[in-house]
Amino acid sequence: MDRADFDKLEVQDQVIYINKQLGEGSTLREIASNLNIARSTLRDRFKKIGYIYNK
């Protein structure tokens, strides 16, 4: 998935996508890099809806 497709997803669906990737062994840094998006952008988006990344 690229950044444009990721940005089109609802934030809840973005969380589901990230969690799936994490479950498959990717790190948040790798996922963010593959999406060409900053980790802080992900954090801020998810924080707005009450999600907090827990290593």
N, C-alpha and C. Protein backbone atom coordinates (compact mmCIF):
# COMPACT_ATOMS: atom_id res chain seq x y z
N MET A 1 0.85 -1.17 0.00
CA MET A 1 0.00 0.00 0.00
C MET A 1 0.90 1.23 0.00
N ASP A 2 0.47 2.26 -0.73
CA ASP A 2 1.25 3.50 -0.73
C ASP A 2 0.55 4.56 0.11
N ARG A 3 1.21 5.68 0.26
CA ARG A 3 0.71 6.75 1.14
C ARG A 3 -0.66 7.25 0.69
N ALA A 4 -0.85 7.41 -0.60
CA ALA A 4 -2.13 7.93 -1.11
C ALA A 4 -3.28 6.99 -0.74
N ASP A 5 -3.07 5.69 -0.93
CA ASP A 5 -4.11 4.72 -0.57
C ASP A 5 -4.34 4.69 0.93
N PHE A 6 -3.25 4.76 1.69
CA PHE A 6 -3.36 4.74 3.15
C PHE A 6 -4.14 5.95 3.64
N ASP A 7 -3.87 7.12 3.06
CA ASP A 7 -4.55 8.35 3.47
C ASP A 7 -6.05 8.32 3.16
N LYS A 8 -6.44 7.53 2.17
CA LYS A 8 -7.86 7.43 1.80
C LYS A 8 -8.66 6.59 2.80
N LEU A 9 -7.96 5.75 3.58
CA LEU A 9 -8.64 4.91 4.57
C LEU A 9 -9.14 5.75 5.73
N GLU A 10 -10.25 5.31 6.34
CA GLU A 10 -10.69 5.91 7.59
C GLU A 10 -9.61 5.63 8.63
N VAL A 11 -9.50 6.48 9.64
CA VAL A 11 -8.45 6.32 10.64
C VAL A 11 -8.56 4.96 11.33
N GLN A 12 -9.77 4.50 11.60
CA GLN A 12 -9.95 3.17 12.22
C GLN A 12 -9.35 2.08 11.32
N ASP A 13 -9.55 2.20 10.02
CA ASP A 13 -8.99 1.23 9.08
C ASP A 13 -7.47 1.35 8.99
N GLN A 14 -6.95 2.55 9.17
CA GLN A 14 -5.50 2.73 9.21
C GLN A 14 -4.92 1.98 10.42
N VAL A 15 -5.60 2.08 11.55
CA VAL A 15 -5.16 1.37 12.76
C VAL A 15 -5.16 -0.14 12.50
N ILE A 16 -6.21 -0.63 11.88
CA ILE A 16 -6.30 -2.06 11.57
C ILE A 16 -5.15 -2.48 10.66
N TYR A 17 -4.86 -1.68 9.64
CA TYR A 17 -3.76 -1.98 8.72
C TYR A 17 -2.43 -2.02 9.46
N ILE A 18 -2.17 -1.01 10.28
CA ILE A 18 -0.91 -0.95 11.04
C ILE A 18 -0.80 -2.16 11.97
N ASN A 19 -1.88 -2.48 12.68
CA ASN A 19 -1.85 -3.62 13.59
C ASN A 19 -1.59 -4.93 12.85
N LYS A 20 -2.17 -5.07 11.66
CA LYS A 20 -1.94 -6.28 10.87
C LYS A 20 -0.47 -6.38 10.49
N GLN A 21 0.11 -5.27 10.04
CA GLN A 21 1.52 -5.27 9.67
C GLN A 21 2.42 -5.57 10.87
N LEU A 22 2.07 -5.00 12.02
CA LEU A 22 2.84 -5.27 13.24
C LEU A 22 2.74 -6.75 13.60
N GLY A 23 1.56 -7.32 13.44
CA GLY A 23 1.35 -8.74 13.73
C GLY A 23 2.14 -9.66 12.82
N GLU A 24 2.45 -9.16 11.63
CA GLU A 24 3.24 -9.94 10.67
C GLU A 24 4.74 -9.74 10.86
N GLY A 25 5.11 -8.99 11.90
CA GLY A 25 6.52 -8.86 12.24
C GLY A 25 7.20 -7.57 11.83
N SER A 26 6.48 -6.69 11.16
CA SER A 26 7.08 -5.40 10.79
C SER A 26 7.14 -4.49 12.00
N THR A 27 8.09 -3.58 12.00
CA THR A 27 8.15 -2.57 13.06
C THR A 27 7.40 -1.33 12.58
N LEU A 28 7.02 -0.49 13.52
CA LEU A 28 6.32 0.74 13.16
C LEU A 28 7.21 1.61 12.26
N ARG A 29 8.48 1.61 12.53
CA ARG A 29 9.43 2.38 11.71
C ARG A 29 9.43 1.86 10.26
N GLU A 30 9.45 0.55 10.10
CA GLU A 30 9.42 -0.04 8.75
C GLU A 30 8.12 0.29 8.02
N ILE A 31 7.01 0.17 8.74
CA ILE A 31 5.70 0.45 8.14
C ILE A 31 5.63 1.90 7.69
N ALA A 32 6.03 2.80 8.57
CA ALA A 32 6.01 4.23 8.24
C ALA A 32 6.91 4.52 7.04
N SER A 33 8.07 3.91 7.01
CA SER A 33 9.00 4.12 5.90
C SER A 33 8.40 3.61 4.59
N ASN A 34 7.78 2.43 4.63
CA ASN A 34 7.16 1.87 3.42
C ASN A 34 6.01 2.74 2.92
N LEU A 35 5.30 3.38 3.84
CA LEU A 35 4.18 4.25 3.47
C LEU A 35 4.65 5.66 3.12
N ASN A 36 5.93 5.93 3.37
CA ASN A 36 6.49 7.28 3.17
C ASN A 36 5.75 8.31 4.02
N ILE A 37 5.60 7.95 5.30
CA ILE A 37 4.89 8.80 6.26
C ILE A 37 5.69 8.80 7.56
N ALA A 38 5.69 9.91 8.25
CA ALA A 38 6.46 9.99 9.50
C ALA A 38 5.74 9.23 10.62
N ARG A 39 6.52 8.60 11.48
CA ARG A 39 5.93 7.92 12.65
C ARG A 39 5.12 8.90 13.48
N SER A 40 5.60 10.13 13.58
CA SER A 40 4.89 11.13 14.38
C SER A 40 3.52 11.46 13.78
N THR A 41 3.41 11.41 12.46
CA THR A 41 2.12 11.64 11.80
C THR A 41 1.15 10.53 12.17
N LEU A 42 1.63 9.30 12.13
CA LEU A 42 0.78 8.17 12.53
C LEU A 42 0.35 8.32 13.99
N ARG A 43 1.32 8.62 14.83
CA ARG A 43 1.04 8.78 16.26
C ARG A 43 -0.03 9.85 16.48
N ASP A 44 0.13 10.98 15.83
CA ASP A 44 -0.81 12.09 16.02
C ASP A 44 -2.21 11.74 15.51
N ARG A 45 -2.29 11.08 14.37
CA ARG A 45 -3.60 10.68 13.83
C ARG A 45 -4.32 9.74 14.80
N PHE A 46 -3.58 8.76 15.28
CA PHE A 46 -4.19 7.74 16.12
C PHE A 46 -4.51 8.30 17.51
N LYS A 47 -3.67 9.19 17.97
CA LYS A 47 -3.90 9.80 19.28
C LYS A 47 -5.20 10.60 19.30
N LYS A 48 -5.54 11.23 18.17
CA LYS A 48 -6.77 12.02 18.07
C LYS A 48 -8.01 11.17 18.31
N ILE A 49 -7.94 9.88 18.00
CA ILE A 49 -9.11 9.02 18.21
C ILE A 49 -8.93 8.10 19.42
N GLY A 50 -7.92 8.40 20.23
CA GLY A 50 -7.75 7.69 21.49
C GLY A 50 -6.84 6.48 21.47
N TYR A 51 -6.17 6.23 20.36
CA TYR A 51 -5.24 5.11 20.29
C TYR A 51 -3.83 5.57 20.63
N ILE A 52 -3.13 4.76 21.39
CA ILE A 52 -1.75 5.05 21.76
C ILE A 52 -0.91 3.82 21.42
N TYR A 53 0.19 4.03 20.71
CA TYR A 53 1.08 2.93 20.35
C TYR A 53 1.75 2.39 21.60
N ASN A 54 1.62 1.09 21.79
CA ASN A 54 2.22 0.42 22.94
C ASN A 54 3.14 -0.66 22.42
N LYS A 55 4.44 -0.46 22.57
CA LYS A 55 5.43 -1.41 22.07
C LYS A 55 5.17 -2.77 22.65
